[in-house]
Amino acid sequence: GLVAGWIGHPIWADALLLAGAVPVLVAVV
């Protein structure tokens, strides 16, 4: 996500960040 945001692809950046955070959120729930 950081790399995608740095090269100017905010949609991909958000998708990658969500892909990493959501599984952790589900496990913690």
mmCIF file of all heavy atoms, coordinates in Angstrom:
data_MODEL
# 
_entry.id   MODEL 
# 
loop_
_atom_site.group_PDB 
_atom_site.id 
_atom_site.type_symbol 
_atom_site.label_atom_id 
_atom_site.label_alt_id 
_atom_site.label_comp_id 
_atom_site.label_asym_id 
_atom_site.label_entity_id 
_atom_site.label_seq_id 
_atom_site.pdbx_PDB_ins_code 
_atom_site.Cartn_x 
_atom_site.Cartn_y 
_atom_site.Cartn_z 
_atom_site.occupancy 
_atom_site.B_iso_or_equiv 
_atom_site.pdbx_formal_charge 
_atom_site.auth_seq_id 
_atom_site.auth_comp_id 
_atom_site.auth_asym_id 
_atom_site.auth_atom_id 
_atom_site.pdbx_PDB_model_num 
ATOM 1   N N   . GLY A 1 1  ? 0.812   -1.208  0.000   1.00 0.00 ? 1  GLY A N   1 
ATOM 2   C CA  . GLY A 1 1  ? 0.000   0.000   0.000   1.00 0.00 ? 1  GLY A CA  1 
ATOM 3   C C   . GLY A 1 1  ? 0.846   1.259   0.000   1.00 0.00 ? 1  GLY A C   1 
ATOM 4   O O   . GLY A 1 1  ? 0.527   2.236   -0.694  1.00 0.00 ? 1  GLY A O   1 
ATOM 5   N N   . LEU A 1 2  ? 1.919   1.262   0.775   1.00 0.00 ? 2  LEU A N   1 
ATOM 6   C CA  . LEU A 1 2  ? 2.807   2.431   0.803   1.00 0.00 ? 2  LEU A CA  1 
ATOM 7   C C   . LEU A 1 2  ? 3.470   2.645   -0.553  1.00 0.00 ? 2  LEU A C   1 
ATOM 8   O O   . LEU A 1 2  ? 3.596   3.783   -1.020  1.00 0.00 ? 2  LEU A O   1 
ATOM 9   C CB  . LEU A 1 2  ? 3.864   2.252   1.898   1.00 0.00 ? 2  LEU A CB  1 
ATOM 10  C CG  . LEU A 1 2  ? 3.349   2.302   3.342   1.00 0.00 ? 2  LEU A CG  1 
ATOM 11  C CD1 . LEU A 1 2  ? 4.472   1.962   4.327   1.00 0.00 ? 2  LEU A CD1 1 
ATOM 12  C CD2 . LEU A 1 2  ? 2.769   3.678   3.659   1.00 0.00 ? 2  LEU A CD2 1 
ATOM 13  N N   . VAL A 1 3  ? 3.889   1.546   -1.172  1.00 0.00 ? 3  VAL A N   1 
ATOM 14  C CA  . VAL A 1 3  ? 4.529   1.675   -2.495  1.00 0.00 ? 3  VAL A CA  1 
ATOM 15  C C   . VAL A 1 3  ? 3.514   2.172   -3.524  1.00 0.00 ? 3  VAL A C   1 
ATOM 16  O O   . VAL A 1 3  ? 3.813   3.073   -4.344  1.00 0.00 ? 3  VAL A O   1 
ATOM 17  C CB  . VAL A 1 3  ? 5.125   0.322   -2.933  1.00 0.00 ? 3  VAL A CB  1 
ATOM 18  C CG1 . VAL A 1 3  ? 5.576   0.388   -4.393  1.00 0.00 ? 3  VAL A CG1 1 
ATOM 19  C CG2 . VAL A 1 3  ? 6.290   -0.055  -2.039  1.00 0.00 ? 3  VAL A CG2 1 
ATOM 20  N N   . ALA A 1 4  ? 2.296   1.599   -3.486  1.00 0.00 ? 4  ALA A N   1 
ATOM 21  C CA  . ALA A 1 4  ? 1.271   2.016   -4.451  1.00 0.00 ? 4  ALA A CA  1 
ATOM 22  C C   . ALA A 1 4  ? 0.903   3.484   -4.262  1.00 0.00 ? 4  ALA A C   1 
ATOM 23  O O   . ALA A 1 4  ? 0.713   4.233   -5.243  1.00 0.00 ? 4  ALA A O   1 
ATOM 24  C CB  . ALA A 1 4  ? 0.024   1.140   -4.292  1.00 0.00 ? 4  ALA A CB  1 
ATOM 25  N N   . GLY A 1 5  ? 0.788   3.938   -3.047  1.00 0.00 ? 5  GLY A N   1 
ATOM 26  C CA  . GLY A 1 5  ? 0.494   5.343   -2.803  1.00 0.00 ? 5  GLY A CA  1 
ATOM 27  C C   . GLY A 1 5  ? 1.629   6.239   -3.256  1.00 0.00 ? 5  GLY A C   1 
ATOM 28  O O   . GLY A 1 5  ? 1.398   7.349   -3.772  1.00 0.00 ? 5  GLY A O   1 
ATOM 29  N N   . TRP A 1 6  ? 2.870   5.777   -3.070  1.00 0.00 ? 6  TRP A N   1 
ATOM 30  C CA  . TRP A 1 6  ? 4.043   6.596   -3.445  1.00 0.00 ? 6  TRP A CA  1 
ATOM 31  C C   . TRP A 1 6  ? 4.141   6.791   -4.957  1.00 0.00 ? 6  TRP A C   1 
ATOM 32  O O   . TRP A 1 6  ? 4.567   7.841   -5.430  1.00 0.00 ? 6  TRP A O   1 
ATOM 33  C CB  . TRP A 1 6  ? 5.296   5.917   -2.904  1.00 0.00 ? 6  TRP A CB  1 
ATOM 34  C CG  . TRP A 1 6  ? 6.553   6.683   -3.195  1.00 0.00 ? 6  TRP A CG  1 
ATOM 35  C CD1 . TRP A 1 6  ? 6.886   7.916   -2.757  1.00 0.00 ? 6  TRP A CD1 1 
ATOM 36  C CD2 . TRP A 1 6  ? 7.632   6.237   -4.005  1.00 0.00 ? 6  TRP A CD2 1 
ATOM 37  N NE1 . TRP A 1 6  ? 8.131   8.290   -3.233  1.00 0.00 ? 6  TRP A NE1 1 
ATOM 38  C CE2 . TRP A 1 6  ? 8.610   7.258   -4.000  1.00 0.00 ? 6  TRP A CE2 1 
ATOM 39  C CE3 . TRP A 1 6  ? 7.890   5.066   -4.720  1.00 0.00 ? 6  TRP A CE3 1 
ATOM 40  C CZ2 . TRP A 1 6  ? 9.808   7.154   -4.704  1.00 0.00 ? 6  TRP A CZ2 1 
ATOM 41  C CZ3 . TRP A 1 6  ? 9.093   4.962   -5.413  1.00 0.00 ? 6  TRP A CZ3 1 
ATOM 42  C CH2 . TRP A 1 6  ? 10.030  5.996   -5.405  1.00 0.00 ? 6  TRP A CH2 1 
ATOM 43  N N   . ILE A 1 7  ? 3.722   5.750   -5.723  1.00 0.00 ? 7  ILE A N   1 
ATOM 44  C CA  . ILE A 1 7  ? 3.810   5.859   -7.184  1.00 0.00 ? 7  ILE A CA  1 
ATOM 45  C C   . ILE A 1 7  ? 2.527   6.408   -7.798  1.00 0.00 ? 7  ILE A C   1 
ATOM 46  O O   . ILE A 1 7  ? 2.389   6.447   -9.036  1.00 0.00 ? 7  ILE A O   1 
ATOM 47  C CB  . ILE A 1 7  ? 4.154   4.497   -7.822  1.00 0.00 ? 7  ILE A CB  1 
ATOM 48  C CG1 . ILE A 1 7  ? 3.065   3.470   -7.538  1.00 0.00 ? 7  ILE A CG1 1 
ATOM 49  C CG2 . ILE A 1 7  ? 5.510   4.008   -7.329  1.00 0.00 ? 7  ILE A CG2 1 
ATOM 50  C CD1 . ILE A 1 7  ? 3.307   2.108   -8.208  1.00 0.00 ? 7  ILE A CD1 1 
ATOM 51  N N   . GLY A 1 8  ? 1.557   6.811   -6.956  1.00 0.00 ? 8  GLY A N   1 
ATOM 52  C CA  . GLY A 1 8  ? 0.386   7.507   -7.459  1.00 0.00 ? 8  GLY A CA  1 
ATOM 53  C C   . GLY A 1 8  ? -0.790  6.637   -7.813  1.00 0.00 ? 8  GLY A C   1 
ATOM 54  O O   . GLY A 1 8  ? -1.534  6.962   -8.756  1.00 0.00 ? 8  GLY A O   1 
ATOM 55  N N   . HIS A 1 9  ? -1.028  5.523   -7.101  1.00 0.00 ? 9  HIS A N   1 
ATOM 56  C CA  . HIS A 1 9  ? -2.183  4.659   -7.329  1.00 0.00 ? 9  HIS A CA  1 
ATOM 57  C C   . HIS A 1 9  ? -2.960  4.516   -6.023  1.00 0.00 ? 9  HIS A C   1 
ATOM 58  O O   . HIS A 1 9  ? -2.883  3.486   -5.328  1.00 0.00 ? 9  HIS A O   1 
ATOM 59  C CB  . HIS A 1 9  ? -1.747  3.275   -7.827  1.00 0.00 ? 9  HIS A CB  1 
ATOM 60  C CG  . HIS A 1 9  ? -1.127  3.298   -9.185  1.00 0.00 ? 9  HIS A CG  1 
ATOM 61  N ND1 . HIS A 1 9  ? -1.872  3.409   -10.344 1.00 0.00 ? 9  HIS A ND1 1 
ATOM 62  C CD2 . HIS A 1 9  ? 0.172   3.254   -9.568  1.00 0.00 ? 9  HIS A CD2 1 
ATOM 63  C CE1 . HIS A 1 9  ? -1.066  3.398   -11.395 1.00 0.00 ? 9  HIS A CE1 1 
ATOM 64  N NE2 . HIS A 1 9  ? 0.194   3.324   -10.949 1.00 0.00 ? 9  HIS A NE2 1 
ATOM 65  N N   . PRO A 1 10 ? -3.730  5.549   -5.648  1.00 0.00 ? 10 PRO A N   1 
ATOM 66  C CA  . PRO A 1 10 ? -4.417  5.535   -4.349  1.00 0.00 ? 10 PRO A CA  1 
ATOM 67  C C   . PRO A 1 10 ? -5.435  4.410   -4.204  1.00 0.00 ? 10 PRO A C   1 
ATOM 68  O O   . PRO A 1 10 ? -5.625  3.889   -3.102  1.00 0.00 ? 10 PRO A O   1 
ATOM 69  C CB  . PRO A 1 10 ? -5.088  6.909   -4.304  1.00 0.00 ? 10 PRO A CB  1 
ATOM 70  C CG  . PRO A 1 10 ? -5.190  7.346   -5.731  1.00 0.00 ? 10 PRO A CG  1 
ATOM 71  C CD  . PRO A 1 10 ? -4.007  6.773   -6.425  1.00 0.00 ? 10 PRO A CD  1 
ATOM 72  N N   . ILE A 1 11 ? -6.117  4.041   -5.272  1.00 0.00 ? 11 ILE A N   1 
ATOM 73  C CA  . ILE A 1 11 ? -7.119  2.976   -5.180  1.00 0.00 ? 11 ILE A CA  1 
ATOM 74  C C   . ILE A 1 11 ? -6.439  1.647   -4.822  1.00 0.00 ? 11 ILE A C   1 
ATOM 75  O O   . ILE A 1 11 ? -6.883  0.899   -3.938  1.00 0.00 ? 11 ILE A O   1 
ATOM 76  C CB  . ILE A 1 11 ? -7.910  2.849   -6.495  1.00 0.00 ? 11 ILE A CB  1 
ATOM 77  C CG1 . ILE A 1 11 ? -8.714  4.133   -6.759  1.00 0.00 ? 11 ILE A CG1 1 
ATOM 78  C CG2 . ILE A 1 11 ? -8.828  1.627   -6.454  1.00 0.00 ? 11 ILE A CG2 1 
ATOM 79  C CD1 . ILE A 1 11 ? -9.490  4.120   -8.060  1.00 0.00 ? 11 ILE A CD1 1 
ATOM 80  N N   . TRP A 1 12 ? -5.327  1.349   -5.524  1.00 0.00 ? 12 TRP A N   1 
ATOM 81  C CA  . TRP A 1 12 ? -4.569  0.129   -5.214  1.00 0.00 ? 12 TRP A CA  1 
ATOM 82  C C   . TRP A 1 12 ? -3.992  0.203   -3.792  1.00 0.00 ? 12 TRP A C   1 
ATOM 83  O O   . TRP A 1 12 ? -3.938  -0.811  -3.078  1.00 0.00 ? 12 TRP A O   1 
ATOM 84  C CB  . TRP A 1 12 ? -3.442  -0.071  -6.219  1.00 0.00 ? 12 TRP A CB  1 
ATOM 85  C CG  . TRP A 1 12 ? -3.893  -0.749  -7.481  1.00 0.00 ? 12 TRP A CG  1 
ATOM 86  C CD1 . TRP A 1 12 ? -4.131  -0.177  -8.697  1.00 0.00 ? 12 TRP A CD1 1 
ATOM 87  C CD2 . TRP A 1 12 ? -4.183  -2.136  -7.613  1.00 0.00 ? 12 TRP A CD2 1 
ATOM 88  N NE1 . TRP A 1 12 ? -4.553  -1.099  -9.594  1.00 0.00 ? 12 TRP A NE1 1 
ATOM 89  C CE2 . TRP A 1 12 ? -4.588  -2.335  -8.962  1.00 0.00 ? 12 TRP A CE2 1 
ATOM 90  C CE3 . TRP A 1 12 ? -4.165  -3.223  -6.753  1.00 0.00 ? 12 TRP A CE3 1 
ATOM 91  C CZ2 . TRP A 1 12 ? -4.960  -3.584  -9.447  1.00 0.00 ? 12 TRP A CZ2 1 
ATOM 92  C CZ3 . TRP A 1 12 ? -4.514  -4.476  -7.228  1.00 0.00 ? 12 TRP A CZ3 1 
ATOM 93  C CH2 . TRP A 1 12 ? -4.913  -4.650  -8.566  1.00 0.00 ? 12 TRP A CH2 1 
ATOM 94  N N   . ALA A 1 13 ? -3.554  1.389   -3.413  1.00 0.00 ? 13 ALA A N   1 
ATOM 95  C CA  . ALA A 1 13 ? -2.998  1.554   -2.057  1.00 0.00 ? 13 ALA A CA  1 
ATOM 96  C C   . ALA A 1 13 ? -4.041  1.214   -1.003  1.00 0.00 ? 13 ALA A C   1 
ATOM 97  O O   . ALA A 1 13 ? -3.770  0.464   -0.046  1.00 0.00 ? 13 ALA A O   1 
ATOM 98  C CB  . ALA A 1 13 ? -2.487  2.979   -1.871  1.00 0.00 ? 13 ALA A CB  1 
ATOM 99  N N   . ASP A 1 14 ? -5.260  1.760   -1.161  1.00 0.00 ? 14 ASP A N   1 
ATOM 100 C CA  . ASP A 1 14 ? -6.320  1.477   -0.192  1.00 0.00 ? 14 ASP A CA  1 
ATOM 101 C C   . ASP A 1 14 ? -6.678  -0.011  -0.180  1.00 0.00 ? 14 ASP A C   1 
ATOM 102 O O   . ASP A 1 14 ? -6.901  -0.605  0.881   1.00 0.00 ? 14 ASP A O   1 
ATOM 103 C CB  . ASP A 1 14 ? -7.568  2.306   -0.538  1.00 0.00 ? 14 ASP A CB  1 
ATOM 104 C CG  . ASP A 1 14 ? -7.364  3.795   -0.270  1.00 0.00 ? 14 ASP A CG  1 
ATOM 105 O OD1 . ASP A 1 14 ? -6.376  4.137   0.413   1.00 0.00 ? 14 ASP A OD1 1 
ATOM 106 O OD2 . ASP A 1 14 ? -8.188  4.595   -0.744  1.00 0.00 ? 14 ASP A OD2 1 
ATOM 107 N N   . ALA A 1 15 ? -6.725  -0.616  -1.372  1.00 0.00 ? 15 ALA A N   1 
ATOM 108 C CA  . ALA A 1 15 ? -7.085  -2.035  -1.461  1.00 0.00 ? 15 ALA A CA  1 
ATOM 109 C C   . ALA A 1 15 ? -6.055  -2.914  -0.750  1.00 0.00 ? 15 ALA A C   1 
ATOM 110 O O   . ALA A 1 15 ? -6.406  -3.857  -0.021  1.00 0.00 ? 15 ALA A O   1 
ATOM 111 C CB  . ALA A 1 15 ? -7.222  -2.453  -2.927  1.00 0.00 ? 15 ALA A CB  1 
ATOM 112 N N   . LEU A 1 16 ? -4.770  -2.610  -0.962  1.00 0.00 ? 16 LEU A N   1 
ATOM 113 C CA  . LEU A 1 16 ? -3.719  -3.409  -0.334  1.00 0.00 ? 16 LEU A CA  1 
ATOM 114 C C   . LEU A 1 16 ? -3.710  -3.222  1.185   1.00 0.00 ? 16 LEU A C   1 
ATOM 115 O O   . LEU A 1 16 ? -3.525  -4.185  1.951   1.00 0.00 ? 16 LEU A O   1 
ATOM 116 C CB  . LEU A 1 16 ? -2.357  -3.034  -0.922  1.00 0.00 ? 16 LEU A CB  1 
ATOM 117 C CG  . LEU A 1 16 ? -2.127  -3.504  -2.369  1.00 0.00 ? 16 LEU A CG  1 
ATOM 118 C CD1 . LEU A 1 16 ? -0.880  -2.861  -2.956  1.00 0.00 ? 16 LEU A CD1 1 
ATOM 119 C CD2 . LEU A 1 16 ? -1.991  -5.035  -2.407  1.00 0.00 ? 16 LEU A CD2 1 
ATOM 120 N N   . LEU A 1 17 ? -3.912  -1.988  1.640   1.00 0.00 ? 17 LEU A N   1 
ATOM 121 C CA  . LEU A 1 17 ? -3.950  -1.737  3.080   1.00 0.00 ? 17 LEU A CA  1 
ATOM 122 C C   . LEU A 1 17 ? -5.131  -2.455  3.721   1.00 0.00 ? 17 LEU A C   1 
ATOM 123 O O   . LEU A 1 17 ? -5.009  -3.037  4.810   1.00 0.00 ? 17 LEU A O   1 
ATOM 124 C CB  . LEU A 1 17 ? -4.036  -0.233  3.345   1.00 0.00 ? 17 LEU A CB  1 
ATOM 125 C CG  . LEU A 1 17 ? -2.790  0.582   2.968   1.00 0.00 ? 17 LEU A CG  1 
ATOM 126 C CD1 . LEU A 1 17 ? -3.069  2.074   3.081   1.00 0.00 ? 17 LEU A CD1 1 
ATOM 127 C CD2 . LEU A 1 17 ? -1.609  0.199   3.870   1.00 0.00 ? 17 LEU A CD2 1 
ATOM 128 N N   . LEU A 1 18 ? -6.283  -2.427  3.056   1.00 0.00 ? 18 LEU A N   1 
ATOM 129 C CA  . LEU A 1 18 ? -7.446  -3.141  3.571   1.00 0.00 ? 18 LEU A CA  1 
ATOM 130 C C   . LEU A 1 18 ? -7.223  -4.646  3.570   1.00 0.00 ? 18 LEU A C   1 
ATOM 131 O O   . LEU A 1 18 ? -7.618  -5.348  4.517   1.00 0.00 ? 18 LEU A O   1 
ATOM 132 C CB  . LEU A 1 18 ? -8.665  -2.814  2.705   1.00 0.00 ? 18 LEU A CB  1 
ATOM 133 C CG  . LEU A 1 18 ? -9.474  -1.576  3.096   1.00 0.00 ? 18 LEU A CG  1 
ATOM 134 C CD1 . LEU A 1 18 ? -10.564 -1.314  2.061   1.00 0.00 ? 18 LEU A CD1 1 
ATOM 135 C CD2 . LEU A 1 18 ? -10.090 -1.752  4.483   1.00 0.00 ? 18 LEU A CD2 1 
ATOM 136 N N   . ALA A 1 19 ? -6.577  -5.158  2.527   1.00 0.00 ? 19 ALA A N   1 
ATOM 137 C CA  . ALA A 1 19 ? -6.319  -6.598  2.436   1.00 0.00 ? 19 ALA A CA  1 
ATOM 138 C C   . ALA A 1 19 ? -5.458  -7.087  3.597   1.00 0.00 ? 19 ALA A C   1 
ATOM 139 O O   . ALA A 1 19 ? -5.575  -8.241  4.037   1.00 0.00 ? 19 ALA A O   1 
ATOM 140 C CB  . ALA A 1 19 ? -5.649  -6.926  1.103   1.00 0.00 ? 19 ALA A CB  1 
ATOM 141 N N   . GLY A 1 20 ? -4.597  -6.218  4.092   1.00 0.00 ? 20 GLY A N   1 
ATOM 142 C CA  . GLY A 1 20 ? -3.767  -6.589  5.228   1.00 0.00 ? 20 GLY A CA  1 
ATOM 143 C C   . GLY A 1 20 ? -4.473  -6.426  6.557   1.00 0.00 ? 20 GLY A C   1 
ATOM 144 O O   . GLY A 1 20 ? -4.297  -7.240  7.476   1.00 0.00 ? 20 GLY A O   1 
ATOM 145 N N   . ALA A 1 21 ? -5.294  -5.373  6.689   1.00 0.00 ? 21 ALA A N   1 
ATOM 146 C CA  . ALA A 1 21 ? -5.902  -5.060  7.978   1.00 0.00 ? 21 ALA A CA  1 
ATOM 147 C C   . ALA A 1 21 ? -7.155  -5.873  8.269   1.00 0.00 ? 21 ALA A C   1 
ATOM 148 O O   . ALA A 1 21 ? -7.396  -6.269  9.428   1.00 0.00 ? 21 ALA A O   1 
ATOM 149 C CB  . ALA A 1 21 ? -6.240  -3.570  8.043   1.00 0.00 ? 21 ALA A CB  1 
ATOM 150 N N   . VAL A 1 22 ? -7.989  -6.144  7.265   1.00 0.00 ? 22 VAL A N   1 
ATOM 151 C CA  . VAL A 1 22 ? -9.266  -6.803  7.494   1.00 0.00 ? 22 VAL A CA  1 
ATOM 152 C C   . VAL A 1 22 ? -9.116  -8.214  8.085   1.00 0.00 ? 22 VAL A C   1 
ATOM 153 O O   . VAL A 1 22 ? -9.834  -8.567  9.037   1.00 0.00 ? 22 VAL A O   1 
ATOM 154 C CB  . VAL A 1 22 ? -10.100 -6.837  6.193   1.00 0.00 ? 22 VAL A CB  1 
ATOM 155 C CG1 . VAL A 1 22 ? -11.323 -7.753  6.351   1.00 0.00 ? 22 VAL A CG1 1 
ATOM 156 C CG2 . VAL A 1 22 ? -10.557 -5.424  5.823   1.00 0.00 ? 22 VAL A CG2 1 
ATOM 157 N N   . PRO A 1 23 ? -8.201  -9.084  7.559   1.00 0.00 ? 23 PRO A N   1 
ATOM 158 C CA  . PRO A 1 23 ? -8.060  -10.411 8.183   1.00 0.00 ? 23 PRO A CA  1 
ATOM 159 C C   . PRO A 1 23 ? -7.683  -10.338 9.663   1.00 0.00 ? 23 PRO A C   1 
ATOM 160 O O   . PRO A 1 23 ? -8.161  -11.140 10.471  1.00 0.00 ? 23 PRO A O   1 
ATOM 161 C CB  . PRO A 1 23 ? -6.950  -11.076 7.363   1.00 0.00 ? 23 PRO A CB  1 
ATOM 162 C CG  . PRO A 1 23 ? -7.002  -10.387 6.046   1.00 0.00 ? 23 PRO A CG  1 
ATOM 163 C CD  . PRO A 1 23 ? -7.356  -8.966  6.355   1.00 0.00 ? 23 PRO A CD  1 
ATOM 164 N N   . VAL A 1 24 ? -6.824  -9.378  10.029  1.00 0.00 ? 24 VAL A N   1 
ATOM 165 C CA  . VAL A 1 24 ? -6.458  -9.209  11.434  1.00 0.00 ? 24 VAL A CA  1 
ATOM 166 C C   . VAL A 1 24 ? -7.678  -8.780  12.234  1.00 0.00 ? 24 VAL A C   1 
ATOM 167 O O   . VAL A 1 24 ? -7.910  -9.266  13.350  1.00 0.00 ? 24 VAL A O   1 
ATOM 168 C CB  . VAL A 1 24 ? -5.314  -8.178  11.582  1.00 0.00 ? 24 VAL A CB  1 
ATOM 169 C CG1 . VAL A 1 24 ? -5.007  -7.930  13.056  1.00 0.00 ? 24 VAL A CG1 1 
ATOM 170 C CG2 . VAL A 1 24 ? -4.073  -8.661  10.858  1.00 0.00 ? 24 VAL A CG2 1 
ATOM 171 N N   . LEU A 1 25 ? -8.483  -7.864  11.670  1.00 0.00 ? 25 LEU A N   1 
ATOM 172 C CA  . LEU A 1 25 ? -9.697  -7.418  12.347  1.00 0.00 ? 25 LEU A CA  1 
ATOM 173 C C   . LEU A 1 25 ? -10.643 -8.580  12.600  1.00 0.00 ? 25 LEU A C   1 
ATOM 174 O O   . LEU A 1 25 ? -11.185 -8.721  13.706  1.00 0.00 ? 25 LEU A O   1 
ATOM 175 C CB  . LEU A 1 25 ? -10.394 -6.352  11.497  1.00 0.00 ? 25 LEU A CB  1 
ATOM 176 C CG  . LEU A 1 25 ? -11.740 -5.843  12.031  1.00 0.00 ? 25 LEU A CG  1 
ATOM 177 C CD1 . LEU A 1 25 ? -11.544 -5.120  13.353  1.00 0.00 ? 25 LEU A CD1 1 
ATOM 178 C CD2 . LEU A 1 25 ? -12.412 -4.917  11.000  1.00 0.00 ? 25 LEU A CD2 1 
ATOM 179 N N   . VAL A 1 26 ? -10.836 -9.444  11.602  1.00 0.00 ? 26 VAL A N   1 
ATOM 180 C CA  . VAL A 1 26 ? -11.726 -10.603 11.755  1.00 0.00 ? 26 VAL A CA  1 
ATOM 181 C C   . VAL A 1 26 ? -11.215 -11.536 12.855  1.00 0.00 ? 26 VAL A C   1 
ATOM 182 O O   . VAL A 1 26 ? -11.982 -12.014 13.701  1.00 0.00 ? 26 VAL A O   1 
ATOM 183 C CB  . VAL A 1 26 ? -11.847 -11.363 10.419  1.00 0.00 ? 26 VAL A CB  1 
ATOM 184 C CG1 . VAL A 1 26 ? -12.631 -12.670 10.612  1.00 0.00 ? 26 VAL A CG1 1 
ATOM 185 C CG2 . VAL A 1 26 ? -12.535 -10.487 9.368   1.00 0.00 ? 26 VAL A CG2 1 
ATOM 186 N N   . ALA A 1 27 ? -9.891  -11.793 12.849  1.00 0.00 ? 27 ALA A N   1 
ATOM 187 C CA  . ALA A 1 27 ? -9.315  -12.676 13.863  1.00 0.00 ? 27 ALA A CA  1 
ATOM 188 C C   . ALA A 1 27 ? -9.475  -12.100 15.256  1.00 0.00 ? 27 ALA A C   1 
ATOM 189 O O   . ALA A 1 27 ? -9.805  -12.828 16.212  1.00 0.00 ? 27 ALA A O   1 
ATOM 190 C CB  . ALA A 1 27 ? -7.826  -12.915 13.557  1.00 0.00 ? 27 ALA A CB  1 
ATOM 191 N N   . VAL A 1 28 ? -9.292  -10.781 15.398  1.00 0.00 ? 28 VAL A N   1 
ATOM 192 C CA  . VAL A 1 28 ? -9.421  -10.151 16.709  1.00 0.00 ? 28 VAL A CA  1 
ATOM 193 C C   . VAL A 1 28 ? -10.871 -10.153 17.169  1.00 0.00 ? 28 VAL A C   1 
ATOM 194 O O   . VAL A 1 28 ? -11.159 -10.326 18.366  1.00 0.00 ? 28 VAL A O   1 
ATOM 195 C CB  . VAL A 1 28 ? -8.855  -8.719  16.676  1.00 0.00 ? 28 VAL A CB  1 
ATOM 196 C CG1 . VAL A 1 28 ? -9.078  -8.028  18.015  1.00 0.00 ? 28 VAL A CG1 1 
ATOM 197 C CG2 . VAL A 1 28 ? -7.384  -8.740  16.347  1.00 0.00 ? 28 VAL A CG2 1 
ATOM 198 N N   . VAL A 1 29 ? -11.808 -9.971  16.236  1.00 0.00 ? 29 VAL A N   1 
ATOM 199 C CA  . VAL A 1 29 ? -13.234 -10.022 16.589  1.00 0.00 ? 29 VAL A CA  1 
ATOM 200 C C   . VAL A 1 29 ? -13.583 -11.392 17.166  1.00 0.00 ? 29 VAL A C   1 
ATOM 201 O O   . VAL A 1 29 ? -14.262 -11.502 18.204  1.00 0.00 ? 29 VAL A O   1 
ATOM 202 C CB  . VAL A 1 29 ? -14.106 -9.712  15.359  1.00 0.00 ? 29 VAL A CB  1 
ATOM 203 C CG1 . VAL A 1 29 ? -15.566 -10.062 15.639  1.00 0.00 ? 29 VAL A CG1 1 
ATOM 204 C CG2 . VAL A 1 29 ? -13.997 -8.242  14.983  1.00 0.00 ? 29 VAL A CG2 1 
# 
